[in-house]
Each structure stands twice: as structure tokens, then as C-alpha cells.
Protein backbone atom coordinates (compact mmCIF):
# COMPACT_ATOMS: atom_id res chain seq x y z
CA MET A 1 0.00 0.00 0.00
CA SER A 2 1.43 3.35 -1.01
CA ARG A 3 1.70 6.09 1.57
CA GLN A 4 -0.71 8.98 1.27
CA PRO A 5 0.82 12.43 0.77
CA ARG A 6 0.84 14.70 3.79
CA VAL A 7 -1.78 17.40 3.96
CA LYS A 8 -0.11 20.73 3.22
CA SER A 9 -0.59 23.44 5.82
CA GLY A 10 -1.71 26.81 4.50
CA SER A 11 -0.33 28.53 7.61
CA GLY A 12 2.98 26.66 7.50
CA PHE A 13 2.42 25.31 11.02
CA TYR A 14 2.43 21.58 11.82
CA HIS A 15 2.00 19.54 14.96
CA VAL A 16 4.60 16.78 14.59
CA MET A 17 5.14 13.65 16.64
CA LEU A 18 7.97 11.11 16.60
CA ARG A 19 7.84 7.98 18.72
CA GLY A 20 10.33 5.23 19.46
CA ILE A 21 10.11 2.01 17.51
CA ASP A 22 7.92 -0.52 19.36
CA TYR A 23 7.28 2.24 21.94
CA GLY A 24 10.95 2.04 22.94
CA ASP A 25 12.83 4.88 24.63
CA ILE A 26 14.43 7.52 22.43
CA PHE A 27 16.19 9.18 25.38
CA ARG A 28 18.22 7.27 27.95
CA ASP A 29 19.59 10.23 29.90
CA ASP A 30 19.58 14.02 29.93
CA SER A 31 22.65 14.23 27.71
CA ASP A 32 20.53 12.70 24.93
CA ARG A 33 17.90 15.40 25.42
CA GLU A 34 20.59 18.08 25.44
CA TYR A 35 21.95 16.71 22.17
CA LEU A 36 18.53 16.95 20.51
CA ILE A 37 18.16 20.52 21.78
CA ASN A 38 21.44 21.37 20.07
CA VAL A 39 20.31 19.61 16.89
CA LEU A 40 17.15 21.73 16.86
CA ARG A 41 19.14 24.90 17.46
CA CYS A 42 21.52 24.12 14.59
CA LYS A 43 18.88 22.94 12.12
CA LYS A 44 16.73 26.00 12.77
CA ALA A 45 19.66 28.21 11.79
CA GLU A 46 20.51 26.13 8.72
CA ASN A 47 17.02 25.39 7.41
CA GLU A 48 15.11 28.50 8.42
CA PHE A 49 12.14 27.00 10.22
CA LYS A 50 10.50 28.18 13.43
CA LEU A 51 10.04 26.02 16.53
CA ALA A 52 6.96 27.32 18.35
CA ALA A 53 6.72 24.53 20.95
CA PHE A 54 8.16 21.15 21.87
CA CYS A 55 8.13 18.49 24.56
CA PHE A 56 10.49 15.55 25.02
CA MET A 57 8.92 12.53 26.66
CA THR A 58 10.83 9.30 27.24
CA ASN A 59 9.62 7.43 24.17
CA HIS A 60 8.24 10.22 21.99
CA VAL A 61 8.54 13.90 21.17
CA HIS A 62 6.11 16.60 20.09
CA PHE A 63 6.99 19.62 17.98
CA LEU A 64 5.01 22.63 16.79
CA ILE A 65 6.95 23.74 13.72
CA GLN A 66 6.44 26.48 11.16
CA GLU A 67 7.96 25.90 7.74
CA LYS A 68 10.03 28.65 6.18
CA GLU A 69 12.45 27.73 3.39
CA ASP A 70 12.26 23.94 3.77
CA ASP A 71 9.17 21.75 3.86
CA ILE A 72 8.26 19.73 6.94
CA ALA A 73 9.47 16.42 5.47
CA THR A 74 12.93 17.86 4.79
CA ILE A 75 13.09 19.47 8.22
CA MET A 76 12.19 16.26 10.04
CA LYS A 77 14.49 14.14 7.90
CA ARG A 78 17.49 16.30 8.79
CA ILE A 79 16.62 16.37 12.48
CA GLY A 80 16.10 12.59 12.49
CA ILE A 81 19.34 11.75 10.67
CA SER A 82 21.38 13.86 13.08
CA TYR A 83 19.82 12.47 16.23
CA VAL A 84 19.63 8.81 15.19
CA GLY A 85 23.26 8.88 14.06
CA TYR A 86 24.31 10.22 17.45
CA PHE A 87 22.10 7.79 19.40
CA ASN A 88 23.19 4.68 17.49
CA LYS A 89 26.88 5.55 17.82
CA LYS A 90 26.60 6.32 21.54
CA TYR A 91 24.73 3.13 22.39
CA GLU A 92 26.44 0.90 19.81
CA ARG A 93 23.24 -0.02 18.06
CA ILE A 94 22.09 -0.22 14.44
CA GLY A 95 18.78 0.20 12.71
CA PRO A 96 15.86 2.62 13.03
CA LEU A 97 15.13 4.44 16.26
CA PHE A 98 11.75 5.91 15.35
CA GLN A 99 8.52 4.08 14.54
CA ASP A 100 7.93 4.53 10.79
CA ARG A 101 7.92 8.10 9.48
CA PHE A 102 6.93 11.00 11.66
CA ARG A 103 3.25 11.80 12.12
CA SER A 104 1.98 15.30 11.49
CA GLU A 105 -1.15 17.37 11.17
CA PRO A 106 -1.55 20.87 9.71
CA VAL A 107 -2.47 23.68 12.10
CA GLU A 108 -4.57 26.12 10.12
CA ASP A 109 -6.03 28.63 12.56
CA ASP A 110 -4.97 30.59 15.62
CA ALA A 111 -7.36 28.85 17.99
CA TYR A 112 -5.98 25.42 17.12
CA LEU A 113 -2.42 26.72 17.21
CA LEU A 114 -2.91 27.79 20.83
CA ALA A 115 -4.69 24.54 21.68
CA VAL A 116 -1.86 22.40 20.28
CA MET A 117 0.72 24.53 22.10
CA ARG A 118 -1.15 23.97 25.35
CA TYR A 119 -1.51 20.24 24.69
CA ILE A 120 2.22 19.85 24.02
CA HIS A 121 3.16 21.66 27.24
CA MET A 122 0.67 19.64 29.30
CA ASN A 123 2.04 16.24 28.21
CA PRO A 124 4.23 15.67 31.31
CA VAL A 125 1.41 16.81 33.61
CA VAL A 126 -1.12 14.45 32.02
CA ALA A 127 1.48 11.66 32.29
CA ASN A 128 1.79 12.40 36.05
CA ILE A 129 5.49 13.20 35.77
CA VAL A 130 5.11 16.69 37.24
CA LYS A 131 2.32 18.66 38.89
CA SER A 132 2.69 21.72 36.65
CA PRO A 133 4.32 22.28 33.23
CA GLY A 134 6.81 24.79 34.62
CA ARG A 135 8.43 22.03 36.68
CA TYR A 136 9.32 20.03 33.58
CA THR A 137 12.72 20.87 32.11
CA TRP A 138 12.39 19.33 28.67
CA SER A 139 9.67 21.39 27.04
CA SER A 140 9.33 24.90 25.65
CA TYR A 141 7.02 26.03 28.46
CA ASN A 142 9.69 27.90 30.42
CA ASP A 143 10.92 29.61 27.26
CA TYR A 144 7.54 31.33 27.30
CA VAL A 145 7.22 32.21 30.98
CA THR A 146 10.75 32.94 32.22
CA SER A 147 14.00 34.21 30.81
CA HIS A 148 16.37 32.21 33.00
CA LYS A 149 14.82 28.73 33.33
CA GLY A 150 14.07 28.02 29.68
CA LEU A 151 16.21 26.17 27.17
CA ARG A 152 16.24 29.23 24.91
CA VAL A 153 15.60 27.35 21.70
CA THR A 154 11.93 28.24 21.15
CA ASP A 155 10.61 30.90 18.80
CA THR A 156 7.98 32.39 21.07
CA GLU A 157 7.29 35.63 19.20
CA HIS A 158 4.43 34.50 16.97
CA ILE A 159 2.29 33.12 19.78
CA MET A 160 3.14 35.85 22.27
CA ASP A 161 2.32 38.55 19.71
CA MET A 162 -1.07 36.92 19.26
CA LEU A 163 -1.77 37.12 22.99
CA GLY A 164 -0.95 40.72 23.85
CA ASN A 165 0.50 44.07 22.91
CA ASP A 166 3.29 43.99 25.50
CA SER A 167 5.18 41.36 27.49
CA LYS A 168 2.93 41.61 30.56
CA GLN A 169 -0.28 41.26 28.56
CA SER A 170 1.20 38.43 26.47
CA LEU A 171 2.23 36.48 29.56
CA GLU A 172 -1.22 36.92 31.08
CA GLY A 173 -2.77 35.69 27.85
CA PHE A 174 -0.40 32.73 27.75
CA MET A 175 -1.30 31.67 31.28
CA GLU A 176 -4.98 32.04 30.47
CA VAL A 177 -4.60 29.74 27.47
CA MET A 178 -2.67 27.21 29.56
CA GLY A 179 -5.55 27.13 32.06
CA ILE A 180 -8.16 26.05 29.52
CA ASN A 181 -9.50 22.48 29.72
CA ASP A 182 -10.72 20.71 26.61
CA ASP A 183 -11.39 17.16 25.41
CA THR A 184 -10.12 17.55 21.85
CA LYS A 185 -8.35 14.53 20.37
CA TYR A 186 -4.85 15.60 19.38
CA LEU A 187 -2.08 13.82 17.54
CA ASP A 188 -0.65 11.56 20.21
CA VAL A 189 1.34 8.47 21.04
CA ARG A 190 -0.83 5.67 22.30
CA SER A 191 -0.54 2.10 23.48
CA GLU A 192 -1.90 -0.49 21.05
CA LYS A 193 -5.08 -0.72 23.10
CA GLU A 194 -5.50 3.06 23.07
CA GLU A 195 -4.81 3.18 19.32
CA LEU A 196 -7.60 0.69 18.68
CA GLU A 197 -9.97 2.51 21.00
CA TYR A 198 -9.31 5.79 19.24
CA GLY A 199 -9.73 4.07 15.87
CA ARG A 200 -13.15 2.75 16.89
CA TYR A 201 -14.13 6.17 18.24
CA LEU A 202 -13.15 7.88 14.97
CA TRP A 203 -14.79 5.22 12.77
CA LYS A 204 -18.05 5.68 14.64
CA LYS A 205 -17.89 9.42 13.97
CA LEU A 206 -17.05 8.92 10.29
CA ALA A 207 -19.88 6.41 9.87
CA ASP A 208 -22.40 9.27 9.99
CA LYS A 209 -20.65 11.29 7.29
CA GLU A 210 -22.00 11.16 3.76
CA ILE A 211 -18.70 10.33 2.09
CA ILE A 212 -17.54 7.27 0.23
CA LEU A 213 -15.82 4.39 1.99
CA THR A 214 -12.42 5.16 0.45
CA ASP A 215 -12.47 8.69 1.84
CA LYS A 216 -13.44 7.41 5.27
CA LEU A 217 -10.55 4.94 5.27
CA LEU A 218 -8.11 7.57 4.03
CA GLU A 219 -9.19 9.82 6.89
CA MET A 220 -8.76 6.94 9.33
CA GLU A 221 -5.27 6.20 8.02
CA LYS A 222 -4.22 9.85 8.17
CA ARG A 223 -5.52 10.55 11.66
CA THR A 224 -4.72 7.26 13.41
CA GLY A 225 -1.62 5.88 11.68
CA LEU A 226 -3.12 2.39 12.06
CA SER A 227 -1.81 -0.46 9.91
CA THR A 228 -4.06 -2.17 7.37
CA ARG A 229 -4.60 -5.05 9.77
CA LYS A 230 -5.66 -2.72 12.59
CA LEU A 231 -7.86 -0.67 10.27
CA ALA A 232 -9.64 -3.88 9.33
CA GLU A 233 -10.01 -4.76 13.01
CA VAL A 234 -11.55 -1.45 14.09
CA THR A 235 -13.81 -1.03 11.05
CA GLY A 236 -15.02 -4.61 10.77
CA LEU A 237 -13.99 -4.70 7.11
CA SER A 238 -11.81 -7.38 5.59
CA LYS A 239 -8.12 -6.65 5.20
CA ASP A 240 -8.43 -7.12 1.42
CA LYS A 241 -11.25 -4.56 1.25
CA VAL A 242 -9.20 -2.04 3.22
CA LEU A 243 -6.22 -2.61 0.94
CA ARG A 244 -8.30 -2.23 -2.24
CA SER A 245 -9.91 0.96 -0.94
CA LEU A 246 -6.59 2.57 -0.08
CA LYS A 247 -4.80 1.76 -3.34
């Protein structure tokens, strides 16, 4: 089955996620995280993209990236090559580190941009690693709220300019956004059980839409990243039918 082309973002912003192969760790210590920070800093300068938010978890990472000169596929390829080369050499391993290609979704409007930024920063809180996002070192949160605790790699200007006319007003707006609760389904890393549950949830929603089966399956593939076998399992269709529809 051929891969479907990524949906192009009109705004240039993408929510991107990379996860470890077989849910394995992609960081083994803080020096690994520091190395990826330096990779991001260097690639931003070389490739002219903006990094609006990020969060490093143990087995996956989230980025909120705005394309400039290079497209998102090129940006992520260069980041991945640099980090995987370092990781494999350090730990004397071979082979892929990340599960398949990166997953991404376009971010087309300001409201969703702020929602994705909040979601990325809340990852370690939701995972019960810390009580508040400011207590987590390996995200862009502190680049937004303090000048001395952050990692100083984040391009905060776009979002902060949206939220206020001066630094005080922007910070107040940022904290207000961070305090919002919502139940939106965002691009995420999930266990196999959670992947299937989300697939069933999405299929149920798509069932009511007046679109052809192929379009429903393409939407499922894009938003869940499920394999053909798992798509067949959650939809109740045969594997052959799923394959024929996606060709």
C-alpha cells in the first residue's frame, strides 16, 4: 500500500510527533535530550524554520513547527538523521530508532495553534510526571514564561504577539490559554489498546458522514496511523477490502 501524501498546511504550522520504535525509549539520559536541543538549534539556523513549541517525553517527542524555506518532510528528515546517528553511535546499536515516518497534522487557525501549544506543554502533567508544566525541564514552556529557566531554543514571538500588545499582557494571555481544559483529540502516542480505542471512536464518527468508503478509510489512516490489519479490526472490514480501498 502506497503512503498517502501529507496534507499541506496553508499557515505553514504543523503539529509533529515522533515515537520510538515498538514504543521504545528515544532518550536514555539528559545528555541525549541536550543533544537533541542542540540539533534543533543548529537545524533552525541552517534550514530556516521556526520552533513554536516542543516536549520531550521518554519514548516520543512533540513539535510545533512552522515551515520557512524547507518543507516539513525535509526538516524532520534532517533532524532525524542527526539524532539517530548520534544515538546509534553512543549506544552501539544499528537500525531505526523511530517508529515509521513521523506523524503530522496541519495547524490552520490561531485557535488550534494555541490549543496544540497547550496540549504539548501539558504532556508531562497528564502523564503524572510533574504537577505543573513549569516544573518540567524538557519542554518549551519555560521559554515562554521565564528568561532564566528556559532552554532558549523556542521561537515564542508568533504566539506571544497573538496574545498581547506587550510582554505583561502576552504572559497573562499565555497563562490564560494554559488554564483552559478541553477534550479535543490531538495527535498523540498511544498504546496499542488506546490506538484501537481511538480508531473505533473515529470510525463511529465517520460512519455518519456522507462520504464514500475510500475517503473514510483515508481519513482513518491519516488521523490514526493504524496499519491495514488494525484498520480492518476497528472497522469490521476485511483486510483485502481495506487494501483495495486505499490503493
